[in-house]
Structures are given as C-alpha cells and as structure tokens.
N, C-alpha and C. Protein backbone atom coordinates (compact mmCIF):
# COMPACT_ATOMS: atom_id res chain seq x y z
N MET A 1 14.80 55.95 81.48
CA MET A 1 14.90 54.49 81.43
C MET A 1 15.77 54.08 80.25
N GLU A 2 16.76 53.29 80.51
CA GLU A 2 17.67 52.85 79.46
C GLU A 2 17.31 51.43 79.04
N THR A 3 17.19 51.24 77.72
CA THR A 3 16.94 49.90 77.21
C THR A 3 18.09 49.50 76.32
N SER A 4 18.51 48.27 76.42
CA SER A 4 19.60 47.79 75.58
C SER A 4 19.01 47.12 74.35
N LEU A 5 19.73 47.26 73.25
CA LEU A 5 19.29 46.64 72.02
C LEU A 5 19.49 45.13 72.10
N ARG A 6 18.55 44.42 71.53
CA ARG A 6 18.67 42.96 71.52
C ARG A 6 19.46 42.54 70.29
N PRO A 7 20.42 41.65 70.46
CA PRO A 7 21.27 41.24 69.33
C PRO A 7 20.60 40.21 68.43
N LEU A 8 19.48 40.59 67.80
CA LEU A 8 18.74 39.64 66.98
C LEU A 8 19.57 39.14 65.81
N GLY A 9 20.36 40.01 65.20
CA GLY A 9 21.20 39.57 64.08
C GLY A 9 22.17 38.48 64.48
N THR A 10 22.76 38.61 65.65
CA THR A 10 23.69 37.59 66.14
C THR A 10 22.96 36.29 66.42
N VAL A 11 21.75 36.38 66.96
CA VAL A 11 20.95 35.18 67.24
C VAL A 11 20.60 34.47 65.94
N ILE A 12 20.20 35.25 64.93
CA ILE A 12 19.86 34.65 63.63
C ILE A 12 21.10 33.98 63.03
N GLN A 13 22.25 34.64 63.11
CA GLN A 13 23.50 34.06 62.61
C GLN A 13 23.79 32.74 63.32
N LEU A 14 23.68 32.73 64.65
CA LEU A 14 23.91 31.52 65.44
C LEU A 14 23.02 30.38 64.97
N LEU A 15 21.73 30.66 64.86
CA LEU A 15 20.77 29.62 64.48
C LEU A 15 21.03 29.10 63.08
N GLU A 16 21.32 30.00 62.14
CA GLU A 16 21.60 29.57 60.77
C GLU A 16 22.86 28.72 60.70
N GLU A 17 23.89 29.09 61.47
CA GLU A 17 25.13 28.30 61.48
C GLU A 17 24.89 26.88 61.99
N LEU A 18 23.90 26.73 62.86
CA LEU A 18 23.57 25.40 63.42
C LEU A 18 22.51 24.68 62.60
N GLY A 19 22.08 25.28 61.48
CA GLY A 19 21.12 24.62 60.60
C GLY A 19 19.67 24.82 61.00
N HIS A 20 19.39 25.84 61.82
CA HIS A 20 18.02 26.11 62.24
C HIS A 20 17.48 27.31 61.48
N GLU A 21 16.18 27.46 61.49
CA GLU A 21 15.52 28.54 60.78
C GLU A 21 14.68 29.37 61.75
N VAL A 22 14.89 30.69 61.74
CA VAL A 22 14.03 31.58 62.50
C VAL A 22 12.74 31.72 61.70
N THR A 23 11.64 31.31 62.30
CA THR A 23 10.38 31.38 61.58
C THR A 23 9.55 32.60 61.94
N TYR A 24 9.85 33.21 63.10
CA TYR A 24 9.10 34.40 63.49
C TYR A 24 9.80 35.04 64.68
N ALA A 25 9.91 36.35 64.66
CA ALA A 25 10.46 37.08 65.80
C ALA A 25 9.48 38.19 66.15
N TYR A 26 9.14 38.27 67.44
CA TYR A 26 8.17 39.26 67.90
C TYR A 26 8.55 39.70 69.31
N GLU A 27 8.75 40.99 69.48
CA GLU A 27 9.16 41.57 70.76
C GLU A 27 10.37 40.82 71.31
N ASP A 28 10.22 40.12 72.43
CA ASP A 28 11.38 39.44 73.03
C ASP A 28 11.46 37.96 72.68
N LEU A 29 10.63 37.48 71.75
CA LEU A 29 10.58 36.06 71.41
C LEU A 29 11.09 35.80 70.00
N VAL A 30 11.84 34.71 69.85
CA VAL A 30 12.33 34.27 68.55
C VAL A 30 11.90 32.81 68.39
N PHE A 31 10.95 32.56 67.48
CA PHE A 31 10.46 31.21 67.24
C PHE A 31 11.34 30.54 66.19
N VAL A 32 11.68 29.27 66.45
CA VAL A 32 12.65 28.56 65.61
C VAL A 32 12.06 27.24 65.14
N ASN A 33 12.45 26.84 63.92
CA ASN A 33 12.06 25.55 63.36
C ASN A 33 10.56 25.31 63.43
N HIS A 34 9.80 26.26 62.93
CA HIS A 34 8.35 26.13 62.87
C HIS A 34 7.75 25.73 64.22
N ASN A 35 8.15 26.48 65.25
CA ASN A 35 7.59 26.32 66.58
C ASN A 35 8.16 25.13 67.35
N GLY A 36 9.30 24.61 66.95
CA GLY A 36 9.93 23.52 67.68
C GLY A 36 10.52 24.00 69.00
N PHE A 37 11.13 25.19 68.96
CA PHE A 37 11.63 25.80 70.18
C PHE A 37 11.67 27.31 69.99
N LEU A 38 11.85 28.01 71.09
CA LEU A 38 11.95 29.45 71.01
C LEU A 38 13.02 29.96 71.97
N LEU A 39 13.49 31.15 71.65
CA LEU A 39 14.44 31.86 72.51
C LEU A 39 13.75 33.13 72.97
N GLN A 40 13.91 33.45 74.24
CA GLN A 40 13.32 34.65 74.81
C GLN A 40 14.45 35.52 75.36
N PHE A 41 14.54 36.75 74.87
CA PHE A 41 15.56 37.67 75.36
C PHE A 41 15.26 38.07 76.79
N GLU A 42 16.32 38.12 77.60
CA GLU A 42 16.22 38.68 78.95
C GLU A 42 16.12 40.20 78.81
N ASN A 43 15.79 40.89 79.89
CA ASN A 43 15.65 42.34 79.84
C ASN A 43 16.96 43.07 79.61
N THR A 44 18.06 42.49 80.04
CA THR A 44 19.34 43.16 79.89
C THR A 44 20.38 42.20 79.32
N GLY A 45 21.29 42.77 78.57
CA GLY A 45 22.42 42.00 78.07
C GLY A 45 22.06 40.97 77.02
N PRO A 46 23.07 40.28 76.53
CA PRO A 46 22.89 39.28 75.47
C PRO A 46 22.54 37.90 76.03
N THR A 47 21.57 37.85 76.94
CA THR A 47 21.16 36.59 77.56
C THR A 47 19.78 36.20 77.06
N LEU A 48 19.64 34.92 76.71
CA LEU A 48 18.37 34.40 76.21
C LEU A 48 17.97 33.17 77.00
N ASN A 49 16.68 32.95 77.08
CA ASN A 49 16.14 31.75 77.70
C ASN A 49 15.67 30.81 76.60
N LEU A 50 15.95 29.54 76.76
CA LEU A 50 15.61 28.51 75.77
C LEU A 50 14.43 27.70 76.28
N PHE A 51 13.38 27.65 75.48
CA PHE A 51 12.19 26.86 75.79
C PHE A 51 11.90 25.96 74.59
N PHE A 52 11.56 24.70 74.87
CA PHE A 52 11.16 23.78 73.81
C PHE A 52 9.65 23.60 73.84
N ASN A 53 9.07 23.42 72.66
CA ASN A 53 7.65 23.14 72.56
C ASN A 53 7.35 21.88 73.36
N ARG A 54 6.24 21.89 74.05
CA ARG A 54 5.85 20.76 74.89
C ARG A 54 5.81 19.46 74.10
N ASN A 55 5.52 19.54 72.80
CA ASN A 55 5.41 18.34 71.97
C ASN A 55 6.69 17.99 71.23
N PHE A 56 7.75 18.75 71.46
CA PHE A 56 9.03 18.51 70.78
C PHE A 56 9.72 17.31 71.41
N PRO A 57 10.23 16.38 70.59
CA PRO A 57 10.87 15.17 71.15
C PRO A 57 12.07 15.51 72.05
N LYS A 58 12.12 14.88 73.22
CA LYS A 58 13.16 15.16 74.21
C LYS A 58 14.56 14.88 73.66
N LYS A 59 14.72 13.81 72.91
CA LYS A 59 16.04 13.48 72.37
C LYS A 59 16.55 14.59 71.45
N GLU A 60 15.67 15.13 70.60
CA GLU A 60 16.06 16.23 69.72
C GLU A 60 16.34 17.50 70.53
N ALA A 61 15.53 17.74 71.56
CA ALA A 61 15.73 18.91 72.42
C ALA A 61 17.10 18.84 73.09
N ASP A 62 17.46 17.67 73.60
CA ASP A 62 18.76 17.50 74.25
C ASP A 62 19.90 17.76 73.28
N SER A 63 19.76 17.30 72.06
CA SER A 63 20.79 17.49 71.05
C SER A 63 20.95 18.98 70.70
N ILE A 64 19.84 19.67 70.54
CA ILE A 64 19.88 21.10 70.24
C ILE A 64 20.51 21.86 71.40
N GLU A 65 20.10 21.53 72.60
CA GLU A 65 20.65 22.20 73.79
C GLU A 65 22.17 22.03 73.85
N GLN A 66 22.67 20.82 73.57
CA GLN A 66 24.10 20.56 73.66
C GLN A 66 24.90 21.28 72.58
N SER A 67 24.26 21.64 71.47
CA SER A 67 24.98 22.35 70.42
C SER A 67 24.81 23.86 70.52
N ILE A 68 23.65 24.33 70.92
CA ILE A 68 23.36 25.76 70.86
C ILE A 68 24.04 26.55 71.99
N ILE A 69 24.13 25.99 73.17
CA ILE A 69 24.68 26.73 74.31
C ILE A 69 26.17 27.05 74.11
N PRO A 70 27.02 26.07 73.76
CA PRO A 70 28.44 26.43 73.54
C PRO A 70 28.64 27.31 72.30
N ALA A 71 27.85 27.10 71.26
CA ALA A 71 27.98 27.92 70.05
C ALA A 71 27.60 29.37 70.36
N ALA A 72 26.57 29.57 71.16
CA ALA A 72 26.15 30.92 71.55
C ALA A 72 27.25 31.60 72.37
N ASP A 73 27.86 30.85 73.24
CA ASP A 73 28.92 31.38 74.09
C ASP A 73 30.07 31.94 73.23
N ARG A 74 30.40 31.25 72.17
CA ARG A 74 31.47 31.69 71.27
C ARG A 74 31.12 33.01 70.57
N LEU A 75 29.83 33.31 70.44
CA LEU A 75 29.38 34.55 69.79
C LEU A 75 29.05 35.64 70.81
N GLY A 76 29.34 35.39 72.08
CA GLY A 76 29.09 36.40 73.10
C GLY A 76 27.66 36.41 73.62
N LEU A 77 26.93 35.33 73.38
CA LEU A 77 25.55 35.19 73.88
C LEU A 77 25.53 34.16 75.00
N ALA A 78 24.62 34.33 75.92
CA ALA A 78 24.41 33.34 76.98
C ALA A 78 23.01 32.78 76.84
N ILE A 79 22.89 31.45 76.80
CA ILE A 79 21.59 30.81 76.69
C ILE A 79 21.37 29.92 77.90
N ASN A 80 20.24 30.12 78.55
CA ASN A 80 19.86 29.33 79.72
C ASN A 80 18.65 28.47 79.37
N LYS A 81 18.77 27.16 79.58
CA LYS A 81 17.62 26.28 79.36
C LYS A 81 16.62 26.54 80.48
N LYS A 82 15.39 26.84 80.09
CA LYS A 82 14.37 27.20 81.08
C LYS A 82 13.27 26.16 81.23
N GLY A 83 12.85 25.55 80.14
CA GLY A 83 11.76 24.59 80.25
C GLY A 83 11.04 24.38 78.93
N ARG A 84 9.74 24.26 79.03
CA ARG A 84 8.90 23.98 77.86
C ARG A 84 7.80 25.03 77.77
N TYR A 85 7.14 25.04 76.61
CA TYR A 85 6.02 25.96 76.43
C TYR A 85 4.95 25.28 75.61
N ASN A 86 3.76 25.85 75.67
CA ASN A 86 2.63 25.39 74.88
C ASN A 86 2.03 26.60 74.19
N LEU A 87 1.72 26.45 72.93
CA LEU A 87 1.16 27.53 72.13
C LEU A 87 -0.26 27.15 71.75
N THR A 88 -1.22 28.03 72.05
CA THR A 88 -2.62 27.78 71.76
C THR A 88 -3.17 28.92 70.92
N GLU A 89 -3.80 28.58 69.80
CA GLU A 89 -4.40 29.62 68.97
C GLU A 89 -5.66 30.15 69.63
N GLN A 90 -5.81 31.47 69.54
CA GLN A 90 -6.97 32.15 70.09
C GLN A 90 -7.74 32.80 68.94
N GLU A 91 -8.79 33.52 69.28
CA GLU A 91 -9.57 34.22 68.25
C GLU A 91 -8.73 35.33 67.62
N ASN A 92 -9.14 35.77 66.43
CA ASN A 92 -8.51 36.88 65.72
C ASN A 92 -7.02 36.67 65.47
N GLU A 93 -6.62 35.44 65.19
CA GLU A 93 -5.25 35.08 64.87
C GLU A 93 -4.26 35.39 65.99
N ASN A 94 -4.71 35.53 67.22
CA ASN A 94 -3.85 35.70 68.38
C ASN A 94 -3.43 34.33 68.90
N VAL A 95 -2.35 34.31 69.65
CA VAL A 95 -1.91 33.07 70.28
C VAL A 95 -1.66 33.30 71.77
N GLN A 96 -1.81 32.25 72.52
CA GLN A 96 -1.51 32.29 73.96
C GLN A 96 -0.33 31.35 74.19
N ILE A 97 0.67 31.84 74.92
CA ILE A 97 1.85 31.03 75.23
C ILE A 97 1.88 30.79 76.72
N GLU A 98 1.98 29.51 77.09
CA GLU A 98 2.13 29.13 78.48
C GLU A 98 3.53 28.55 78.65
N PHE A 99 4.27 29.06 79.65
CA PHE A 99 5.62 28.58 79.91
C PHE A 99 5.61 27.68 81.13
N PHE A 100 6.39 26.59 81.05
CA PHE A 100 6.50 25.62 82.13
C PHE A 100 7.97 25.49 82.49
N ASP A 101 8.30 25.53 83.77
CA ASP A 101 9.68 25.33 84.20
C ASP A 101 10.07 23.88 84.00
N ASN A 102 11.37 23.63 84.01
CA ASN A 102 11.88 22.25 83.85
C ASN A 102 11.30 21.33 84.88
C-alpha cells in the first residue's frame, strides 16, 4: 500500500501568508484560527477539503473562501469547500466532530 505524504508545511505557509494561524494539526485535520475553520487532507495528492465551524460567521467564511482557494492554487494545492462542522467535547479530553455538507 502506497501512501503519499501530506504537504503540511505548504499548508502552514499558505495559512500564514493569509494571516491565519494553525492551532492544531492531527492526522488528516488542520484546525485554523482557534477552531474557526479546518482543512482536511484527501487520501491522495495535495487536495484539501475546507469546512467552517457551524458557529463561524458566514460573511467571514465567504471572505476566507475567496482568498484561500486561489492562493492555494498558486502553491500547487487544491481546496474544495465542503460545508460546516460541529465540535463537541467528550470525556477524557476527546472531541467528536460532525461534518455537514453545504
């Protein structure tokens, strides 16, 4: 089984150039701006899915989407807007993430 490396360094560079902060990266998820939105790596290639926190203001989400997608393209990344998510704290410092389509 062949697995491709995820370009986390390029993603961090992209986000920093746009004034965002990576607050946590775990497996295929990159949390940004203290849980405002996240990027999820696809299984193959430099493709990521963009999800906004369910409570994140739509106007700000639209602005981020309009800046991040073309900037990612210039760095060889593809970002697809997928929808929203909700994060719920569980016992033992675990979290549950629910994803919602657009």
